[in-house]
PDB file of N, CA and C in Angstrom:
ATOM      1  N   MET A   1     -11.515  -7.932   5.273  1.00  0.00           N
ATOM      2  CA  MET A   1     -10.567  -8.965   4.832  1.00  0.00           C
ATOM      3  C   MET A   1      -9.299  -8.295   4.345  1.00  0.00           C
ATOM      4  N   SER A   2      -9.319  -6.983   3.857  1.00  0.00           N
ATOM      5  CA  SER A   2      -8.064  -6.357   3.401  1.00  0.00           C
ATOM      6  C   SER A   2      -7.059  -6.244   4.585  1.00  0.00           C
ATOM      7  N   VAL A   3      -7.560  -6.032   5.756  1.00  0.00           N
ATOM      8  CA  VAL A   3      -6.615  -5.927   6.954  1.00  0.00           C
ATOM      9  C   VAL A   3      -6.087  -7.316   7.286  1.00  0.00           C
ATOM     10  N   SER A   4      -6.905  -8.315   7.211  1.00  0.00           N
ATOM     11  CA  SER A   4      -6.387  -9.653   7.479  1.00  0.00           C
ATOM     12  C   SER A   4      -5.413 -10.119   6.434  1.00  0.00           C
ATOM     13  N   LEU A   5      -5.532  -9.700   5.189  1.00  0.00           N
ATOM     14  CA  LEU A   5      -4.534  -9.998   4.173  1.00  0.00           C
ATOM     15  C   LEU A   5      -3.213  -9.346   4.461  1.00  0.00           C
ATOM     16  N   LEU A   6      -3.297  -8.050   4.882  1.00  0.00           N
ATOM     17  CA  LEU A   6      -2.062  -7.391   5.223  1.00  0.00           C
ATOM     18  C   LEU A   6      -1.389  -7.996   6.410  1.00  0.00           C
ATOM     19  N   GLN A   7      -2.142  -8.443   7.439  1.00  0.00           N
ATOM     20  CA  GLN A   7      -1.601  -9.159   8.628  1.00  0.00           C
ATOM     21  C   GLN A   7      -0.936 -10.405   8.208  1.00  0.00           C
ATOM     22  N   GLU A   8      -1.590 -11.188   7.347  1.00  0.00           N
ATOM     23  CA  GLU A   8      -1.050 -12.469   6.903  1.00  0.00           C
ATOM     24  C   GLU A   8       0.287 -12.369   6.295  1.00  0.00           C
ATOM     25  N   PHE A   9       0.549 -11.269   5.609  1.00  0.00           N
ATOM     26  CA  PHE A   9       1.794 -11.019   4.850  1.00  0.00           C
ATOM     27  C   PHE A   9       2.754 -10.092   5.584  1.00  0.00           C
ATOM     28  N   GLU A  10       2.551  -9.900   6.850  1.00  0.00           N
ATOM     29  CA  GLU A  10       3.342  -9.065   7.757  1.00  0.00           C
ATOM     30  C   GLU A  10       3.557  -7.651   7.202  1.00  0.00           C
ATOM     31  N   LEU A  11       2.464  -7.088   6.754  1.00  0.00           N
ATOM     32  CA  LEU A  11       2.487  -5.676   6.263  1.00  0.00           C
ATOM     33  C   LEU A  11       1.678  -4.868   7.278  1.00  0.00           C
ATOM     34  N   PRO A  12       1.967  -3.561   7.408  1.00  0.00           N
ATOM     35  CA  PRO A  12       1.251  -2.722   8.368  1.00  0.00           C
ATOM     36  C   PRO A  12      -0.220  -2.624   8.073  1.00  0.00           C
ATOM     37  N   GLU A  13      -0.997  -2.733   9.136  1.00  0.00           N
ATOM     38  CA  GLU A  13      -2.423  -2.764   9.045  1.00  0.00           C
ATOM     39  C   GLU A  13      -3.058  -1.465   8.462  1.00  0.00           C
ATOM     40  N   GLY A  14      -2.370  -0.367   8.591  1.00  0.00           N
ATOM     41  CA  GLY A  14      -2.903   0.896   8.080  1.00  0.00           C
ATOM     42  C   GLY A  14      -2.389   1.302   6.721  1.00  0.00           C
ATOM     43  N   LEU A  15      -1.759   0.346   6.062  1.00  0.00           N
ATOM     44  CA  LEU A  15      -1.131   0.545   4.729  1.00  0.00           C
ATOM     45  C   LEU A  15      -2.209   0.889   3.656  1.00  0.00           C
ATOM     46  N   LEU A  16      -3.423   0.331   3.722  1.00  0.00           N
ATOM     47  CA  LEU A  16      -4.423   0.560   2.801  1.00  0.00           C
ATOM     48  C   LEU A  16      -5.606   1.060   3.545  1.00  0.00           C
ATOM     49  N   PRO A  17      -5.671   2.356   3.913  1.00  0.00           N
ATOM     50  CA  PRO A  17      -6.808   2.914   4.684  1.00  0.00           C
ATOM     51  C   PRO A  17      -8.028   3.186   3.760  1.00  0.00           C
ATOM     52  N   LEU A  18      -8.768   2.203   3.397  1.00  0.00           N
ATOM     53  CA  LEU A  18      -9.780   2.281   2.439  1.00  0.00           C
ATOM     54  C   LEU A  18     -11.146   2.454   3.086  1.00  0.00           C
ATOM     55  N   ALA A  19     -12.097   2.890   2.310  1.00  0.00           N
ATOM     56  CA  ALA A  19     -13.488   3.096   2.808  1.00  0.00           C
ATOM     57  C   ALA A  19     -14.465   2.503   1.898  1.00  0.00           C
ATOM     58  N   ASN A  20     -15.534   1.906   2.403  1.00  0.00           N
ATOM     59  CA  ASN A  20     -16.624   1.333   1.635  1.00  0.00           C
ATOM     60  C   ASN A  20     -16.115   0.327   0.574  1.00  0.00           C
ATOM     61  N   VAL A  21     -15.360  -0.618   1.084  1.00  0.00           N
ATOM     62  CA  VAL A  21     -14.813  -1.677   0.285  1.00  0.00           C
ATOM     63  C   VAL A  21     -16.032  -2.646  -0.115  1.00  0.00           C
ATOM     64  N   VAL A  22     -16.100  -2.896  -1.422  1.00  0.00           N
ATOM     65  CA  VAL A  22     -17.180  -3.762  -1.909  1.00  0.00           C
ATOM     66  C   VAL A  22     -16.704  -5.213  -2.345  1.00  0.00           C
ATOM     67  N   GLU A  23     -15.408  -5.294  -2.506  1.00  0.00           N
ATOM     68  CA  GLU A  23     -14.882  -6.594  -2.966  1.00  0.00           C
ATOM     69  C   GLU A  23     -13.389  -6.694  -2.661  1.00  0.00           C
ATOM     70  N   VAL A  24     -12.938  -7.868  -2.102  1.00  0.00           N
ATOM     71  CA  VAL A  24     -11.574  -8.131  -1.808  1.00  0.00           C
ATOM     72  C   VAL A  24     -11.335  -9.583  -2.395  1.00  0.00           C
ATOM     73  N   GLY A  25     -10.264  -9.757  -3.115  1.00  0.00           N
ATOM     74  CA  GLY A  25      -9.975 -11.072  -3.618  1.00  0.00           C
ATOM     75  C   GLY A  25      -8.551 -11.339  -3.528  1.00  0.00           C
ATOM     76  N   TYR A  26      -8.260 -12.671  -3.437  1.00  0.00           N
ATOM     77  CA  TYR A  26      -6.849 -13.135  -3.313  1.00  0.00           C
ATOM     78  C   TYR A  26      -6.682 -14.518  -3.924  1.00  0.00           C
ATOM     79  N   VAL A  27      -5.809 -14.723  -4.875  1.00  0.00           N
ATOM     80  CA  VAL A  27      -5.562 -15.998  -5.507  1.00  0.00           C
ATOM     81  C   VAL A  27      -4.230 -16.549  -4.904  1.00  0.00           C
ATOM     82  N   LYS A  28      -4.425 -17.563  -4.027  1.00  0.00           N
ATOM     83  CA  LYS A  28      -3.248 -18.044  -3.299  1.00  0.00           C
ATOM     84  C   LYS A  28      -2.146 -18.563  -4.143  1.00  0.00           C
ATOM     85  N   ASN A  29      -2.467 -19.219  -5.281  1.00  0.00           N
ATOM     86  CA  ASN A  29      -1.459 -19.851  -6.167  1.00  0.00           C
ATOM     87  C   ASN A  29      -0.522 -18.822  -6.752  1.00  0.00           C
ATOM     88  N   THR A  30      -1.023 -17.638  -7.057  1.00  0.00           N
ATOM     89  CA  THR A  30      -0.185 -16.640  -7.728  1.00  0.00           C
ATOM     90  C   THR A  30       0.182 -15.478  -6.814  1.00  0.00           C
ATOM     91  N   GLY A  31      -0.564 -15.241  -5.836  1.00  0.00           N
ATOM     92  CA  GLY A  31      -0.372 -14.085  -4.891  1.00  0.00           C
ATOM     93  C   GLY A  31      -1.117 -12.842  -5.361  1.00  0.00           C
ATOM     94  N   TYR A  32      -1.874 -12.981  -6.439  1.00  0.00           N
ATOM     95  CA  TYR A  32      -2.620 -11.844  -7.016  1.00  0.00           C
ATOM     96  C   TYR A  32      -3.743 -11.450  -6.046  1.00  0.00           C
ATOM     97  N   MET A  33      -3.853 -10.115  -5.751  1.00  0.00           N
ATOM     98  CA  MET A  33      -4.919  -9.649  -4.880  1.00  0.00           C
ATOM     99  C   MET A  33      -5.535  -8.420  -5.529  1.00  0.00           C
ATOM    100  N   TRP A  34      -6.842  -8.215  -5.186  1.00  0.00           N
ATOM    101  CA  TRP A  34      -7.482  -6.987  -5.687  1.00  0.00           C
ATOM    102  C   TRP A  34      -8.446  -6.526  -4.652  1.00  0.00           C
ATOM    103  N   ILE A  35      -8.649  -5.270  -4.638  1.00  0.00           N
ATOM    104  CA  ILE A  35      -9.603  -4.576  -3.740  1.00  0.00           C
ATOM    105  C   ILE A  35     -10.399  -3.610  -4.547  1.00  0.00           C
ATOM    106  N   VAL A  36     -11.694  -3.564  -4.367  1.00  0.00           N
ATOM    107  CA  VAL A  36     -12.626  -2.656  -5.087  1.00  0.00           C
ATOM    108  C   VAL A  36     -13.374  -1.858  -4.011  1.00  0.00           C
ATOM    109  N   GLN A  37     -13.286  -0.540  -4.117  1.00  0.00           N
ATOM    110  CA  GLN A  37     -14.041   0.306  -3.114  1.00  0.00           C
ATOM    111  C   GLN A  37     -14.979   1.224  -3.979  1.00  0.00           C
ATOM    112  N   GLN A  38     -15.990   1.747  -3.278  1.00  0.00           N
ATOM    113  CA  GLN A  38     -17.007   2.509  -3.988  1.00  0.00           C
ATOM    114  C   GLN A  38     -16.498   3.767  -4.627  1.00  0.00           C
ATOM    115  N   LYS A  39     -15.535   4.445  -3.976  1.00  0.00           N
ATOM    116  CA  LYS A  39     -15.021   5.700  -4.559  1.00  0.00           C
ATOM    117  C   LYS A  39     -13.556   5.848  -4.168  1.00  0.00           C
ATOM    118  N   LYS A  40     -12.833   6.663  -4.934  1.00  0.00           N
ATOM    119  CA  LYS A  40     -11.440   6.955  -4.696  1.00  0.00           C
ATOM    120  C   LYS A  40     -11.296   7.586  -3.283  1.00  0.00           C
ATOM    121  N   VAL A  41     -10.184   7.248  -2.619  1.00  0.00           N
ATOM    122  CA  VAL A  41      -9.954   7.755  -1.254  1.00  0.00           C
ATOM    123  C   VAL A  41      -8.554   8.372  -1.238  1.00  0.00           C
ATOM    124  N   GLU A  42      -8.412   9.609  -0.570  1.00  0.00           N
ATOM    125  CA  GLU A  42      -7.139  10.195  -0.340  1.00  0.00           C
ATOM    126  C   GLU A  42      -6.951  10.192   1.172  1.00  0.00           C
ATOM    127  N   HIS A  43      -5.751   9.800   1.550  1.00  0.00           N
ATOM    128  CA  HIS A  43      -5.451   9.708   3.026  1.00  0.00           C
ATOM    129  C   HIS A  43      -4.098  10.316   3.300  1.00  0.00           C
ATOM    130  N   GLU A  44      -4.014  11.148   4.370  1.00  0.00           N
ATOM    131  CA  GLU A  44      -2.751  11.749   4.793  1.00  0.00           C
ATOM    132  C   GLU A  44      -2.199  11.006   5.920  1.00  0.00           C
ATOM    133  N   PHE A  45      -0.941  10.414   5.731  1.00  0.00           N
ATOM    134  CA  PHE A  45      -0.246   9.800   6.820  1.00  0.00           C
ATOM    135  C   PHE A  45       0.508  10.876   7.561  1.00  0.00           C
ATOM    136  N   LYS A  46      -0.055  11.325   8.685  1.00  0.00           N
ATOM    137  CA  LYS A  46       0.396  12.576   9.371  1.00  0.00           C
ATOM    138  C   LYS A  46       1.800  12.426   9.907  1.00  0.00           C
ATOM    139  N   MET A  47       2.235  11.240  10.331  1.00  0.00           N
ATOM    140  CA  MET A  47       3.525  11.115  10.938  1.00  0.00           C
ATOM    141  C   MET A  47       4.618  11.472   9.910  1.00  0.00           C
ATOM    142  N   ILE A  48       4.391  11.225   8.591  1.00  0.00           N
ATOM    143  CA  ILE A  48       5.381  11.506   7.578  1.00  0.00           C
ATOM    144  C   ILE A  48       4.923  12.618   6.583  1.00  0.00           C
ATOM    145  N   SER A  49       3.795  13.252   6.890  1.00  0.00           N
ATOM    146  CA  SER A  49       3.212  14.303   6.056  1.00  0.00           C
ATOM    147  C   SER A  49       3.116  13.889   4.566  1.00  0.00           C
ATOM    148  N   LYS A  50       2.533  12.731   4.347  1.00  0.00           N
ATOM    149  CA  LYS A  50       2.464  12.215   2.971  1.00  0.00           C
ATOM    150  C   LYS A  50       0.990  11.928   2.624  1.00  0.00           C
ATOM    151  N   LEU A  51       0.578  12.538   1.464  1.00  0.00           N
ATOM    152  CA  LEU A  51      -0.834  12.285   0.972  1.00  0.00           C
ATOM    153  C   LEU A  51      -0.770  11.199  -0.052  1.00  0.00           C
ATOM    154  N   VAL A  52      -1.650  10.206   0.165  1.00  0.00           N
ATOM    155  CA  VAL A  52      -1.710   9.075  -0.786  1.00  0.00           C
ATOM    156  C   VAL A  52      -3.077   8.903  -1.340  1.00  0.00           C
ATOM    157  N   SER A  53      -3.202   8.592  -2.538  1.00  0.00           N
ATOM    158  CA  SER A  53      -4.457   8.448  -3.235  1.00  0.00           C
ATOM    159  C   SER A  53      -4.699   6.953  -3.585  1.00  0.00           C
ATOM    160  N   TYR A  54      -5.823   6.471  -3.291  1.00  0.00           N
ATOM    161  CA  TYR A  54      -6.249   5.026  -3.519  1.00  0.00           C
ATOM    162  C   TYR A  54      -7.399   5.035  -4.524  1.00  0.00           C
ATOM    163  N   ASP A  55      -7.239   4.543  -5.750  1.00  0.00           N
ATOM    164  CA  ASP A  55      -8.295   4.419  -6.729  1.00  0.00           C
ATOM    165  C   ASP A  55      -9.385   3.454  -6.318  1.00  0.00           C
ATOM    166  N   THR A  56     -10.471   3.435  -7.103  1.00  0.00           N
ATOM    167  CA  THR A  56     -11.578   2.514  -6.779  1.00  0.00           C
ATOM    168  C   THR A  56     -11.123   1.067  -6.880  1.00  0.00           C
ATOM    169  N   GLU A  57     -10.171   0.821  -7.795  1.00  0.00           N
ATOM    170  CA  GLU A  57      -9.651  -0.554  -7.950  1.00  0.00           C
ATOM    171  C   GLU A  57      -8.154  -0.595  -7.630  1.00  0.00           C
ATOM    172  N   ILE A  58      -7.753  -1.424  -6.766  1.00  0.00           N
ATOM    173  CA  ILE A  58      -6.328  -1.588  -6.398  1.00  0.00           C
ATOM    174  C   ILE A  58      -5.994  -3.060  -6.610  1.00  0.00           C
ATOM    175  N   ASN A  59      -4.811  -3.302  -7.259  1.00  0.00           N
ATOM    176  CA  ASN A  59      -4.403  -4.775  -7.343  1.00  0.00           C
ATOM    177  C   ASN A  59      -2.920  -4.865  -7.433  1.00  0.00           C
ATOM    178  N   GLY A  60      -2.483  -6.039  -7.290  1.00  0.00           N
ATOM    179  CA  GLY A  60      -1.081  -6.327  -7.306  1.00  0.00           C
ATOM    180  C   GLY A  60      -0.753  -7.711  -6.815  1.00  0.00           C
ATOM    181  N   PHE A  61       0.489  -8.055  -6.681  1.00  0.00           N
ATOM    182  CA  PHE A  61       0.880  -9.383  -6.205  1.00  0.00           C
ATOM    183  C   PHE A  61       1.514  -9.262  -4.798  1.00  0.00           C
ATOM    184  N   VAL A  62       0.901  -9.994  -3.876  1.00  0.00           N
ATOM    185  CA  VAL A  62       1.394  -9.925  -2.498  1.00  0.00           C
ATOM    186  C   VAL A  62       2.107 -11.092  -2.042  1.00  0.00           C
ATOM    187  N   GLU A  63       3.197 -10.938  -1.311  1.00  0.00           N
ATOM    188  CA  GLU A  63       3.956 -12.025  -0.692  1.00  0.00           C
ATOM    189  C   GLU A  63       4.461 -11.495   0.624  1.00  0.00           C
ATOM    190  N   LYS A  64       5.194 -12.273   1.359  1.00  0.00           N
ATOM    191  CA  LYS A  64       5.551 -11.913   2.749  1.00  0.00           C
ATOM    192  C   LYS A  64       6.398 -10.597   2.640  1.00  0.00           C
ATOM    193  N   LYS A  65       5.875  -9.581   3.376  1.00  0.00           N
ATOM    194  CA  LYS A  65       6.483  -8.256   3.516  1.00  0.00           C
ATOM    195  C   LYS A  65       6.673  -7.459   2.167  1.00  0.00           C
ATOM    196  N   LYS A  66       5.806  -7.792   1.161  1.00  0.00           N
ATOM    197  CA  LYS A  66       5.950  -7.145  -0.106  1.00  0.00           C
ATOM    198  C   LYS A  66       4.705  -7.119  -0.925  1.00  0.00           C
ATOM    199  N   ILE A  67       4.446  -6.047  -1.603  1.00  0.00           N
ATOM    200  CA  ILE A  67       3.324  -5.961  -2.638  1.00  0.00           C
ATOM    201  C   ILE A  67       4.108  -5.504  -3.945  1.00  0.00           C
ATOM    202  N   LYS A  68       4.070  -6.220  -5.028  1.00  0.00           N
ATOM    203  CA  LYS A  68       4.741  -5.779  -6.235  1.00  0.00           C
ATOM    204  C   LYS A  68       3.691  -5.690  -7.366  1.00  0.00           C
ATOM    205  N   LYS A  69       4.092  -5.044  -8.459  1.00  0.00           N
ATOM    206  CA  LYS A  69       3.240  -4.755  -9.554  1.00  0.00           C
ATOM    207  C   LYS A  69       1.919  -4.103  -9.126  1.00  0.00           C
ATOM    208  N   LEU A  70       2.021  -3.243  -8.144  1.00  0.00           N
ATOM    209  CA  LEU A  70       0.896  -2.586  -7.541  1.00  0.00           C
ATOM    210  C   LEU A  70       0.267  -1.572  -8.529  1.00  0.00           C
ATOM    211  N   LYS A  71      -1.003  -1.588  -8.593  1.00  0.00           N
ATOM    212  CA  LYS A  71      -1.775  -0.551  -9.416  1.00  0.00           C
ATOM    213  C   LYS A  71      -2.854   0.023  -8.604  1.00  0.00           C
ATOM    214  N   GLY A  72      -3.129   1.331  -8.702  1.00  0.00           N
ATOM    215  CA  GLY A  72      -4.223   1.975  -8.092  1.00  0.00           C
ATOM    216  C   GLY A  72      -3.810   2.841  -6.902  1.00  0.00           C
ATOM    217  N   VAL A  73      -2.518   2.974  -6.613  1.00  0.00           N
ATOM    218  CA  VAL A  73      -2.028   3.745  -5.419  1.00  0.00           C
ATOM    219  C   VAL A  73      -1.056   4.758  -5.975  1.00  0.00           C
ATOM    220  N   LYS A  74      -1.269   6.037  -5.524  1.00  0.00           N
ATOM    221  CA  LYS A  74      -0.372   7.100  -5.910  1.00  0.00           C
ATOM    222  C   LYS A  74       0.023   7.952  -4.725  1.00  0.00           C
ATOM    223  N   ALA A  75       1.254   8.417  -4.593  1.00  0.00           N
ATOM    224  CA  ALA A  75       1.701   9.267  -3.450  1.00  0.00           C
ATOM    225  C   ALA A  75       2.064  10.656  -4.013  1.00  0.00           C
ATOM    226  N   LYS A  76       1.617  11.638  -3.416  1.00  0.00           N
ATOM    227  CA  LYS A  76       1.830  13.035  -3.913  1.00  0.00           C
ATOM    228  C   LYS A  76       3.273  13.429  -3.592  1.00  0.00           C
ATOM    229  N   GLU A  77       3.959  13.876  -4.657  1.00  0.00           N
ATOM    230  CA  GLU A  77       5.268  14.460  -4.549  1.00  0.00           C
ATOM    231  C   GLU A  77       5.263  15.824  -5.277  1.00  0.00           C
ATOM    232  N   LEU A  78       5.436  16.862  -4.397  1.00  0.00           N
ATOM    233  CA  LEU A  78       5.299  18.228  -4.898  1.00  0.00           C
ATOM    234  C   LEU A  78       3.964  18.387  -5.591  1.00  0.00           C
ATOM    235  N   MET A  79       3.988  18.654  -6.893  1.00  0.00           N
ATOM    236  CA  MET A  79       2.675  18.802  -7.620  1.00  0.00           C
ATOM    237  C   MET A  79       2.315  17.591  -8.417  1.00  0.00           C
ATOM    238  N   LEU A  80       3.058  16.474  -8.367  1.00  0.00           N
ATOM    239  CA  LEU A  80       2.852  15.293  -9.123  1.00  0.00           C
ATOM    240  C   LEU A  80       2.230  14.177  -8.252  1.00  0.00           C
ATOM    241  N   TRP A  81       1.622  13.187  -8.929  1.00  0.00           N
ATOM    242  CA  TRP A  81       1.054  12.019  -8.281  1.00  0.00           C
ATOM    243  C   TRP A  81       1.602  10.754  -8.896  1.00  0.00           C
ATOM    244  N   PRO A  82       2.962  10.478  -8.695  1.00  0.00           N
ATOM    245  CA  PRO A  82       3.520   9.253  -9.338  1.00  0.00           C
ATOM    246  C   PRO A  82       2.849   7.991  -8.728  1.00  0.00           C
ATOM    247  N   PRO A  83       2.631   6.976  -9.607  1.00  0.00           N
ATOM    248  CA  PRO A  83       2.103   5.726  -9.055  1.00  0.00           C
ATOM    249  C   PRO A  83       3.128   4.966  -8.305  1.00  0.00           C
ATOM    250  N   VAL A  84       2.653   4.298  -7.241  1.00  0.00           N
ATOM    251  CA  VAL A  84       3.529   3.440  -6.427  1.00  0.00           C
ATOM    252  C   VAL A  84       3.448   2.034  -6.978  1.00  0.00           C
ATOM    253  N   SER A  85       4.556   1.429  -7.387  1.00  0.00           N
ATOM    254  CA  SER A  85       4.548   0.113  -8.027  1.00  0.00           C
ATOM    255  C   SER A  85       4.951  -1.003  -7.114  1.00  0.00           C
ATOM    256  N   GLU A  86       5.586  -0.704  -6.025  1.00  0.00           N
ATOM    257  CA  GLU A  86       6.079  -1.755  -5.078  1.00  0.00           C
ATOM    258  C   GLU A  86       6.276  -1.227  -3.690  1.00  0.00           C
ATOM    259  N   ILE A  87       5.858  -2.058  -2.750  1.00  0.00           N
ATOM    260  CA  ILE A  87       5.987  -1.732  -1.355  1.00  0.00           C
ATOM    261  C   ILE A  87       6.684  -2.927  -0.678  1.00  0.00           C
ATOM    262  N   THR A  88       7.817  -2.629   0.050  1.00  0.00           N
ATOM    263  CA  THR A  88       8.614  -3.713   0.672  1.00  0.00           C
ATOM    264  C   THR A  88       8.996  -3.281   2.086  1.00  0.00           C
ATOM    265  N   ILE A  89       8.904  -4.276   2.941  1.00  0.00           N
ATOM    266  CA  ILE A  89       9.477  -4.022   4.313  1.00  0.00           C
ATOM    267  C   ILE A  89      10.911  -4.721   4.291  1.00  0.00           C
ATOM    268  N   ASP A  90      11.828  -3.907   4.724  1.00  0.00           N
ATOM    269  CA  ASP A  90      13.257  -4.281   4.673  1.00  0.00           C
ATOM    270  C   ASP A  90      13.577  -5.386   5.728  1.00  0.00           C
ATOM    271  N   ASP A  91      14.089  -6.595   5.354  1.00  0.00           N
ATOM    272  CA  ASP A  91      14.389  -7.623   6.275  1.00  0.00           C
ATOM    273  C   ASP A  91      15.562  -7.229   7.174  1.00  0.00           C
ATOM    274  N   LYS A  92      16.509  -6.476   6.564  1.00  0.00           N
ATOM    275  CA  LYS A  92      17.702  -6.073   7.382  1.00  0.00           C
ATOM    276  C   LYS A  92      17.372  -4.949   8.377  1.00  0.00           C
ATOM    277  N   HIS A  93      16.435  -4.178   7.969  1.00  0.00           N
ATOM    278  CA  HIS A  93      15.959  -3.095   8.875  1.00  0.00           C
ATOM    279  C   HIS A  93      14.418  -3.116   8.977  1.00  0.00           C
ATOM    280  N   PRO A  94      13.871  -4.070   9.795  1.00  0.00           N
ATOM    281  CA  PRO A  94      12.413  -4.305   9.839  1.00  0.00           C
ATOM    282  C   PRO A  94      11.597  -3.073  10.207  1.00  0.00           C
ATOM    283  N   GLY A  95      12.187  -2.031  10.752  1.00  0.00           N
ATOM    284  CA  GLY A  95      11.417  -0.792  11.017  1.00  0.00           C
ATOM    285  C   GLY A  95      11.268   0.092   9.932  1.00  0.00           C
ATOM    286  N   LYS A  96      11.745  -0.300   8.690  1.00  0.00           N
ATOM    287  CA  LYS A  96      11.691   0.585   7.519  1.00  0.00           C
ATOM    288  C   LYS A  96      10.813  -0.029   6.444  1.00  0.00           C
ATOM    289  N   ILE A  97      10.079   0.805   5.678  1.00  0.00           N
ATOM    290  CA  ILE A  97       9.239   0.356   4.631  1.00  0.00           C
ATOM    291  C   ILE A  97       9.587   1.172   3.399  1.00  0.00           C
ATOM    292  N   HIS A  98       9.726   0.519   2.247  1.00  0.00           N
ATOM    293  CA  HIS A  98      10.140   1.221   1.064  1.00  0.00           C
ATOM    294  C   HIS A  98       9.012   1.251  -0.008  1.00  0.00           C
ATOM    295  N   PHE A  99       8.878   2.440  -0.606  1.00  0.00           N
ATOM    296  CA  PHE A  99       7.828   2.571  -1.696  1.00  0.00           C
ATOM    297  C   PHE A  99       8.580   2.864  -2.990  1.00  0.00           C
ATOM    298  N   LYS A 100       8.397   2.077  -3.951  1.00  0.00           N
ATOM    299  CA  LYS A 100       9.072   2.347  -5.242  1.00  0.00           C
ATOM    300  C   LYS A 100       8.078   2.762  -6.294  1.00  0.00           C
ATOM    301  N   SER A 101       8.376   3.864  -7.016  1.00  0.00           N
ATOM    302  CA  SER A 101       7.539   4.340  -8.169  1.00  0.00           C
ATOM    303  C   SER A 101       7.948   3.646  -9.425  1.00  0.00           C
ATOM    304  N   LEU A 102       7.016   3.836 -10.409  1.00  0.00           N
ATOM    305  CA  LEU A 102       7.328   3.278 -11.731  1.00  0.00           C
ATOM    306  C   LEU A 102       8.581   3.888 -12.256  1.00  0.00           C
ATOM    307  N   ALA A 103       8.937   5.064 -11.921  1.00  0.00           N
ATOM    308  CA  ALA A 103      10.178   5.741 -12.414  1.00  0.00           C
ATOM    309  C   ALA A 103      11.404   5.188 -11.786  1.00  0.00           C
ATOM    310  N   GLY A 104      11.249   4.250 -10.854  1.00  0.00           N
ATOM    311  CA  GLY A 104      12.401   3.675 -10.126  1.00  0.00           C
ATOM    312  C   GLY A 104      12.874   4.383  -8.908  1.00  0.00           C
ATOM    313  N   ILE A 105      12.184   5.493  -8.534  1.00  0.00           N
ATOM    314  CA  ILE A 105      12.518   6.247  -7.342  1.00  0.00           C
ATOM    315  C   ILE A 105      11.928   5.526  -6.133  1.00  0.00           C
ATOM    316  N   THR A 106      12.771   5.351  -5.133  1.00  0.00           N
ATOM    317  CA  THR A 106      12.335   4.702  -3.891  1.00  0.00           C
ATOM    318  C   THR A 106      12.363   5.703  -2.703  1.00  0.00           C
ATOM    319  N   LYS A 107      11.314   5.687  -1.977  1.00  0.00           N
ATOM    320  CA  LYS A 107      11.240   6.521  -0.739  1.00  0.00           C
ATOM    321  C   LYS A 107      11.130   5.540   0.459  1.00  0.00           C
ATOM    322  N   THR A 108      11.830   5.830   1.524  1.00  0.00           N
ATOM    323  CA  THR A 108      11.829   4.919   2.755  1.00  0.00           C
ATOM    324  C   THR A 108      11.196   5.731   3.929  1.00  0.00           C
ATOM    325  N   PHE A 109      10.368   5.052   4.676  1.00  0.00           N
ATOM    326  CA  PHE A 109       9.667   5.637   5.826  1.00  0.00           C
ATOM    327  C   PHE A 109       9.677   4.609   7.016  1.00  0.00           C
ATOM    328  N   PRO A 110       9.401   5.132   8.204  1.00  0.00           N
ATOM    329  CA  PRO A 110       9.253   4.144   9.317  1.00  0.00           C
ATOM    330  C   PRO A 110       7.957   3.384   9.206  1.00  0.00           C
ATOM    331  N   VAL A 111       8.020   2.145   9.518  1.00  0.00           N
ATOM    332  CA  VAL A 111       6.843   1.217   9.391  1.00  0.00           C
ATOM    333  C   VAL A 111       5.745   1.772  10.237  1.00  0.00           C
ATOM    334  N   GLU A 112       5.974   2.295  11.453  1.00  0.00           N
ATOM    335  CA  GLU A 112       4.967   2.745  12.387  1.00  0.00           C
ATOM    336  C   GLU A 112       4.092   3.860  11.816  1.00  0.00           C
ATOM    337  N   ALA A 113       4.518   4.572  10.754  1.00  0.00           N
ATOM    338  CA  ALA A 113       3.738   5.597  10.139  1.00  0.00           C
ATOM    339  C   ALA A 113       2.542   4.996   9.417  1.00  0.00           C
ATOM    340  N   PHE A 114       2.552   3.702   9.205  1.00  0.00           N
ATOM    341  CA  PHE A 114       1.452   3.004   8.484  1.00  0.00           C
ATOM    342  C   PHE A 114       0.697   2.038   9.427  1.00  0.00           C
ATOM    343  N   ALA A 115       0.792   2.268  10.717  1.00  0.00           N
ATOM    344  CA  ALA A 115       0.024   1.396  11.655  1.00  0.00           C
ATOM    345  C   ALA A 115      -1.462   1.741  11.535  1.00  0.00           C
ATOM    346  N   ALA A 116      -2.320   0.883  11.953  1.00  0.00           N
ATOM    347  CA  ALA A 116      -3.686   1.134  11.905  1.00  0.00           C
ATOM    348  C   ALA A 116      -4.058   2.422  12.687  1.00  0.00           C
ATOM    349  N   GLY A 117      -4.903   3.296  12.082  1.00  0.00           N
ATOM    350  CA  GLY A 117      -5.297   4.547  12.729  1.00  0.00           C
ATOM    351  C   GLY A 117      -4.363   5.659  12.420  1.00  0.00           C
ATOM    352  N   GLN A 118      -3.323   5.511  11.667  1.00  0.00           N
ATOM    353  CA  GLN A 118      -2.397   6.613  11.414  1.00  0.00           C
ATOM    354  C   GLN A 118      -2.871   7.409  10.281  1.00  0.00           C
TER     355      GLN A 118
END
C-alpha cells in the first residue's frame, strides 16, 4: 500500500524503500499517513550516492507531490544524520525533488534517482 500511496500523490515509487512493513495508514481528511516496519532500514540511492535511514515508524502529511512534517527519515550528511522534514517535487521543474531538513537546509536531486529499484 505504501507504493500505491506514493503513486496516488505523484511521488516516486522508490522514495520509501521499506522492508517488512506491518502497517500502513492514511487519513484522507487530513492527509496524515503512517508506516510501521519491523526494523529500521538504511538504503543507499546509488545514482546520487546518498545513504538514507528509515525508522521503524514513519509519518507525515501527504498531498500532491509533497510530504510535509515528515518524521522517521534521515539522510546522511558527512558524519551527521539530519532528519528530513519535507519532500517536494518542483512544479516548475518536474524532474527535480527537494528534501528539506529541520535546520532549513534544502538539497535537490533528480526525481529518477528515487524510481522503484534504485
